[in-house]
């Protein structure tokens, strides 16, 4: 595996000039490097009428950790974090229906409740019994609903800056939404740097051409994502009544400088959970597993190590 990975790096270095001319190729190569370093392979599974794409890695007989991304994101949010898990855990990072490379038909709903049941069906189709759930942002709200509805399936739950809670302090995102401005939906590619500054304390560095390409992709998907966002609001599931139903130990991990979902959400959730643990990461934004993957993984593995093995 190490020799194959070294060969891949040499090939990438030899063809760097091509990548400069092809941002799509550069993005694909970067994602391949990240997933390979994490020991993840790309898979697909037909679940009902939906084609679900996902990464999978780690020992097949180990406990499963399912990683679920947020709104407008996909499974590629997770490899740099998952890299620290795959030695000990069977790891799956999924593209939710409507996102990434999974199916996104027009005639179904992408609200949190529907996605939670699709995740449950996905795990059953893979033959997974009990598992650990991890979700960020919208994905955190989805896995929390999953854990509330199917508590017997969940060994532990980790919520990274999750949606679904009425925070004591209103976030900047909610203030802007009230003013009719949704910074998560781009109208032009040039808006991407502002979005990155909004999501991260320290945005990831990337070539300008790649940044523009990502902005163009976000614009292309903006209309469909707007439809999903409307469904999330119209069919909103508040977590306050759901959290007491969760029986699994739960980690609340938050970036203190999150501008999308305020860290004061933790003050609401902690008293409602049966077995809460809390980690607040300083100088970190909305997606800690991307901004500081090693530190986030260290906190998560420490949480898992404190749970009884079954």
Protein backbone atom coordinates (compact mmCIF):
# COMPACT_ATOMS: atom_id res chain seq x y z
CA UNK A 1 0.00 0.00 0.00
CA UNK A 2 2.81 2.45 0.92
CA UNK A 3 4.63 1.77 -2.38
CA UNK A 4 1.42 2.25 -4.33
CA UNK A 5 0.76 5.51 -2.55
CA UNK A 6 4.31 6.74 -3.23
CA UNK A 7 3.82 5.88 -6.89
CA UNK A 8 0.62 7.88 -6.93
CA UNK A 9 2.38 10.92 -5.46
CA UNK A 10 5.12 10.71 -8.10
CA UNK A 11 2.55 10.54 -10.88
CA UNK A 12 0.74 13.55 -9.46
CA UNK A 13 3.98 15.52 -9.22
CA UNK A 14 4.95 14.61 -12.80
CA UNK A 15 1.64 15.84 -14.17
CA UNK A 16 1.30 19.00 -12.08
CA UNK A 17 1.33 21.15 -15.22
CA UNK A 18 -1.81 19.40 -16.47
CA UNK A 19 -3.56 20.04 -13.16
CA UNK A 20 -2.88 23.76 -13.49
CA UNK A 21 -4.87 23.72 -16.72
CA UNK A 22 -7.57 21.40 -15.38
CA UNK A 23 -9.06 22.30 -11.99
CA UNK A 24 -11.46 19.35 -12.22
CA UNK A 25 -8.50 16.98 -12.53
CA UNK A 26 -6.69 18.71 -9.68
CA UNK A 27 -9.75 18.37 -7.44
CA UNK A 28 -10.21 14.70 -8.31
CA UNK A 29 -6.52 14.00 -7.68
CA UNK A 30 -6.59 15.82 -4.34
CA UNK A 31 -9.63 13.84 -3.24
CA UNK A 32 -7.98 10.60 -4.35
CA UNK A 33 -4.86 11.40 -2.32
CA UNK A 34 -6.91 12.23 0.78
CA UNK A 35 -9.06 9.12 0.55
CA UNK A 36 -6.05 6.88 -0.18
CA UNK A 37 -4.14 8.24 2.82
CA UNK A 38 -7.22 7.53 4.94
CA UNK A 39 -7.46 3.96 3.64
CA UNK A 40 -10.87 4.67 2.09
CA UNK A 41 -12.24 3.25 -1.16
CA UNK A 42 -15.19 4.59 -3.11
CA UNK A 43 -18.30 2.39 -3.26
CA UNK A 44 -21.89 2.55 -4.42
CA UNK A 45 -25.04 0.79 -3.26
CA UNK A 46 -28.56 0.71 -4.64
CA UNK A 47 -31.08 1.32 -1.84
CA UNK A 48 -34.60 1.27 -3.24
CA UNK A 49 -34.60 3.66 -6.19
CA UNK A 50 -31.54 5.56 -5.01
CA UNK A 51 -27.89 5.05 -5.89
CA UNK A 52 -25.88 5.87 -2.75
CA UNK A 53 -22.18 6.69 -3.11
CA UNK A 54 -19.84 6.41 -0.14
CA UNK A 55 -16.29 5.85 1.08
CA UNK A 56 -15.46 2.75 3.09
CA UNK A 57 -12.33 1.66 4.91
CA UNK A 58 -10.87 0.10 8.02
CA UNK A 59 -11.25 -3.44 9.39
CA UNK A 60 -14.49 -4.98 8.14
CA UNK A 61 -15.14 -6.76 11.46
CA UNK A 62 -14.54 -3.69 13.62
CA UNK A 63 -17.28 -1.44 14.95
CA UNK A 64 -18.70 0.87 12.30
CA UNK A 65 -18.45 4.66 12.37
CA UNK A 66 -20.82 6.38 9.93
CA UNK A 67 -19.86 9.96 8.97
CA UNK A 68 -22.58 12.31 7.65
CA UNK A 69 -21.86 15.68 6.03
CA UNK A 70 -23.79 18.94 6.17
CA UNK A 71 -25.79 21.05 3.75
CA UNK A 72 -24.15 21.66 0.37
CA UNK A 73 -21.29 19.28 1.24
CA UNK A 74 -20.46 15.62 0.52
CA UNK A 75 -18.39 12.66 1.67
CA UNK A 76 -15.14 14.46 0.81
CA UNK A 77 -15.51 16.49 4.02
CA UNK A 78 -14.33 13.46 5.98
CA UNK A 79 -11.14 11.69 4.70
CA UNK A 80 -8.63 13.89 6.55
CA UNK A 81 -10.51 13.22 9.78
CA UNK A 82 -11.22 9.55 8.97
CA UNK A 83 -7.51 8.93 8.43
CA UNK A 84 -7.11 8.75 12.22
CA UNK A 85 -9.99 6.30 12.64
CA UNK A 86 -9.51 3.60 10.01
CA UNK A 87 -6.80 1.70 11.86
CA UNK A 88 -9.31 0.77 14.58
CA UNK A 89 -12.78 1.26 13.10
CA UNK A 90 -14.77 0.30 10.04
CA UNK A 91 -15.48 3.77 8.62
CA UNK A 92 -18.15 4.84 6.15
CA UNK A 93 -18.54 8.41 4.83
CA UNK A 94 -21.72 8.76 2.79
CA UNK A 95 -23.02 11.14 0.15
CA UNK A 96 -26.55 11.83 1.33
CA UNK A 97 -29.19 11.61 -1.42
CA UNK A 98 -29.33 15.02 -3.09
CA UNK A 99 -25.62 15.70 -2.51
CA UNK A 100 -22.28 14.63 -3.92
CA UNK A 101 -22.54 11.76 -6.38
CA UNK A 102 -25.61 10.09 -4.88
CA UNK A 103 -28.97 10.19 -6.65
CA UNK A 104 -30.94 13.42 -6.46
CA UNK A 105 -34.35 12.91 -8.05
CA UNK A 106 -36.70 15.89 -8.17
CA UNK A 107 -39.75 14.03 -6.88
CA UNK A 108 -38.63 13.18 -3.33
CA UNK A 109 -38.14 15.22 -0.17
CA UNK A 110 -34.73 15.89 1.36
CA UNK A 111 -35.95 17.01 4.78
CA UNK A 112 -34.16 15.82 7.91
CA UNK A 113 -36.71 13.15 8.84
CA UNK A 114 -36.68 11.58 5.37
CA UNK A 115 -32.89 11.57 5.23
CA UNK A 116 -32.66 9.96 8.69
CA UNK A 117 -34.82 7.06 7.48
CA UNK A 118 -32.79 6.75 4.28
CA UNK A 119 -29.64 6.49 6.40
CA UNK A 120 -31.28 3.76 8.46
CA UNK A 121 -32.23 1.87 5.27
CA UNK A 122 -28.68 2.36 3.96
CA UNK A 123 -27.13 0.79 7.07
CA UNK A 124 -29.57 -2.12 6.92
CA UNK A 125 -28.77 -2.71 3.25
CA UNK A 126 -25.07 -2.88 4.17
CA UNK A 127 -25.85 -5.41 6.89
CA UNK A 128 -24.65 -3.14 9.69
CA UNK A 129 -26.15 -3.69 13.12
CA UNK A 130 -25.20 -1.30 15.89
CA UNK A 131 -22.92 1.56 14.95
CA UNK A 132 -21.39 4.90 15.93
CA UNK A 133 -22.91 7.97 14.27
CA UNK A 134 -21.09 11.23 13.53
CA UNK A 135 -22.73 14.23 11.85
CA UNK A 136 -21.80 17.82 11.08
CA UNK A 137 -24.28 20.71 10.72
CA UNK A 138 -27.38 19.39 8.89
CA UNK A 139 -25.79 15.94 9.08
CA UNK A 140 -25.68 16.27 12.86
CA UNK A 141 -29.39 17.03 12.97
CA UNK A 142 -30.04 14.00 10.75
CA UNK A 143 -28.01 11.55 12.85
CA UNK A 144 -29.59 12.92 16.04
CA UNK A 145 -33.04 12.11 14.63
CA UNK A 146 -31.73 8.68 13.57
CA UNK A 147 -30.49 8.06 17.14
CA UNK A 148 -33.80 9.20 18.64
CA UNK A 149 -35.90 7.02 16.33
CA UNK A 150 -33.65 3.95 16.36
CA UNK A 151 -31.87 4.03 19.75
CA UNK A 152 -31.24 0.27 19.73
CA UNK A 153 -28.98 0.69 16.65
CA UNK A 154 -26.70 3.39 18.05
CA UNK A 155 -23.57 2.71 20.10
CA UNK A 156 -22.62 6.37 20.34
CA UNK A 157 -23.48 9.71 18.77
CA UNK A 158 -21.19 12.63 17.94
CA UNK A 159 -22.63 15.98 16.87
CA UNK A 160 -20.20 18.48 15.32
CA UNK A 161 -21.76 21.99 15.19
CA UNK A 162 -25.16 20.44 14.51
CA UNK A 163 -28.31 22.15 13.29
CA UNK A 164 -31.76 21.74 14.82
CA UNK A 165 -31.55 23.69 18.09
CA UNK A 166 -32.84 27.13 19.13
CA UNK A 167 -29.63 28.66 20.50
CA UNK A 168 -29.74 31.31 23.25
CA UNK A 169 -27.55 33.55 21.06
CA UNK A 170 -28.65 34.04 17.48
CA UNK A 171 -25.95 33.16 14.95
CA UNK A 172 -24.85 35.42 12.13
CA UNK A 173 -26.35 32.99 9.61
CA UNK A 174 -29.81 33.23 11.18
CA UNK A 175 -29.62 37.03 11.29
CA UNK A 176 -28.74 37.12 7.59
CA UNK A 177 -31.49 34.65 6.70
CA UNK A 178 -34.01 36.92 8.44
CA UNK A 179 -32.78 39.73 6.18
CA UNK A 180 -33.33 37.60 3.07
CA UNK A 181 -29.67 36.76 2.51
CA UNK A 182 -28.56 33.12 2.39
CA UNK A 183 -24.74 33.06 2.18
CA UNK A 184 -24.77 29.28 1.68
CA UNK A 185 -26.30 29.65 -1.81
CA UNK A 186 -23.93 31.26 -4.31
CA UNK A 187 -25.15 33.31 -7.25
CA UNK A 188 -21.68 33.75 -8.75
CA UNK A 189 -18.37 31.93 -8.43
CA UNK A 190 -16.58 35.00 -7.08
CA UNK A 191 -18.59 34.70 -3.85
CA UNK A 192 -16.81 31.51 -2.76
CA UNK A 193 -13.94 33.20 -0.84
CA UNK A 194 -16.50 35.07 1.29
CA UNK A 195 -18.30 31.78 1.98
CA UNK A 196 -15.02 30.13 3.01
CA UNK A 197 -14.26 33.03 5.36
CA UNK A 198 -17.75 32.61 6.81
CA UNK A 199 -17.37 28.88 7.44
CA UNK A 200 -13.74 28.75 8.61
CA UNK A 201 -11.56 30.71 10.99
CA UNK A 202 -8.58 29.59 8.88
CA UNK A 203 -9.86 28.80 5.36
CA UNK A 204 -7.94 26.07 3.51
CA UNK A 205 -5.39 27.29 1.01
CA UNK A 206 -6.02 26.36 -2.62
CA UNK A 207 -4.97 27.54 -6.09
CA UNK A 208 -7.09 30.39 -7.46
CA UNK A 209 -8.24 28.33 -10.45
CA UNK A 210 -9.41 25.51 -8.20
CA UNK A 211 -11.25 27.99 -5.99
CA UNK A 212 -13.02 29.42 -9.03
CA UNK A 213 -13.94 25.92 -10.24
CA UNK A 214 -15.44 25.07 -6.86
CA UNK A 215 -17.37 28.33 -6.97
CA UNK A 216 -18.72 27.50 -10.43
CA UNK A 217 -19.83 24.06 -9.23
CA UNK A 218 -21.58 25.63 -6.24
CA UNK A 219 -23.44 28.02 -8.55
CA UNK A 220 -24.51 25.13 -10.81
CA UNK A 221 -26.02 23.31 -7.82
CA UNK A 222 -27.46 26.42 -6.21
CA UNK A 223 -31.01 26.04 -7.57
CA UNK A 224 -31.31 22.43 -6.40
CA UNK A 225 -29.74 23.26 -3.03
CA UNK A 226 -32.20 26.13 -2.63
CA UNK A 227 -35.04 23.65 -3.08
CA UNK A 228 -33.54 21.43 -0.38
CA UNK A 229 -33.04 24.39 1.96
CA UNK A 230 -36.71 25.34 1.62
CA UNK A 231 -37.71 21.75 2.47
CA UNK A 232 -35.45 21.80 5.54
CA UNK A 233 -37.25 24.92 6.77
CA UNK A 234 -40.78 23.86 5.85
CA UNK A 235 -40.38 20.38 7.39
CA UNK A 236 -38.12 21.41 10.23
CA UNK A 237 -37.67 18.93 13.08
CA UNK A 238 -36.57 20.64 16.32
CA UNK A 239 -34.14 18.52 18.29
CA UNK A 240 -35.24 19.68 21.74
CA UNK A 241 -38.05 17.04 21.93
CA UNK A 242 -35.84 14.38 20.27
CA UNK A 243 -32.68 14.57 22.40
CA UNK A 244 -34.22 13.00 25.55
CA UNK A 245 -35.09 9.92 23.46
CA UNK A 246 -31.41 9.31 22.68
CA UNK A 247 -29.97 6.60 24.92
CA UNK A 248 -26.43 6.52 23.49
CA UNK A 249 -23.48 8.47 24.92
CA UNK A 250 -23.31 11.72 22.95
CA UNK A 251 -20.37 13.99 22.16
CA UNK A 252 -21.18 17.66 21.50
CA UNK A 253 -18.17 19.11 19.68
CA UNK A 254 -18.27 22.72 18.53
CA UNK A 255 -16.02 25.37 17.01
CA UNK A 256 -16.21 28.34 19.36
CA UNK A 257 -16.11 30.83 16.47
CA UNK A 258 -18.86 29.13 14.45
CA UNK A 259 -20.77 31.91 12.65
CA UNK A 260 -23.40 29.61 11.15
CA UNK A 261 -24.66 27.86 14.30
CA UNK A 262 -23.83 29.46 17.61
CA UNK A 263 -21.88 27.53 20.22
CA UNK A 264 -24.52 28.44 22.82
CA UNK A 265 -26.56 25.60 21.29
CA UNK A 266 -24.55 23.33 23.57
CA UNK A 267 -26.18 24.95 26.61
CA UNK A 268 -29.58 23.83 25.29
CA UNK A 269 -28.60 20.30 24.30
CA UNK A 270 -26.46 19.18 27.21
CA UNK A 271 -29.26 19.10 29.85
CA UNK A 272 -31.55 17.21 27.46
CA UNK A 273 -29.13 14.33 26.83
CA UNK A 274 -28.73 11.30 29.09
CA UNK A 275 -24.96 10.88 28.64
CA UNK A 276 -23.44 14.09 27.25
CA UNK A 277 -19.79 14.98 26.76
CA UNK A 278 -18.73 18.42 25.55
CA UNK A 279 -15.68 19.70 23.65
CA UNK A 280 -15.39 23.35 22.56
CA UNK A 281 -12.54 23.98 20.12
CA UNK A 282 -11.00 27.45 20.34
CA UNK A 283 -10.30 29.49 17.19
CA UNK A 284 -12.29 27.05 15.08
CA UNK A 285 -15.31 27.49 12.81
CA UNK A 286 -18.24 25.45 11.58
CA UNK A 287 -16.43 22.37 10.20
CA UNK A 288 -13.78 21.31 12.75
CA UNK A 289 -13.14 17.97 11.02
CA UNK A 290 -11.87 19.94 7.99
CA UNK A 291 -10.28 22.92 9.70
CA UNK A 292 -8.45 20.87 12.35
CA UNK A 293 -8.88 17.18 11.44
CA UNK A 294 -6.19 15.68 13.69
CA UNK A 295 -7.31 17.56 16.80
CA UNK A 296 -10.97 16.78 16.09
CA UNK A 297 -10.14 13.09 15.65
CA UNK A 298 -8.17 13.09 18.89
CA UNK A 299 -11.17 14.44 20.80
CA UNK A 300 -13.47 11.96 19.11
CA UNK A 301 -11.27 8.94 19.76
CA UNK A 302 -10.90 9.96 23.41
CA UNK A 303 -14.70 10.04 23.62
CA UNK A 304 -14.94 6.56 22.09
CA UNK A 305 -12.23 5.22 24.39
CA UNK A 306 -14.35 6.26 27.38
CA UNK A 307 -17.28 4.14 26.19
CA UNK A 308 -17.72 0.47 27.16
CA UNK A 309 -16.86 -1.96 24.38
CA UNK A 310 -19.64 -4.27 23.19
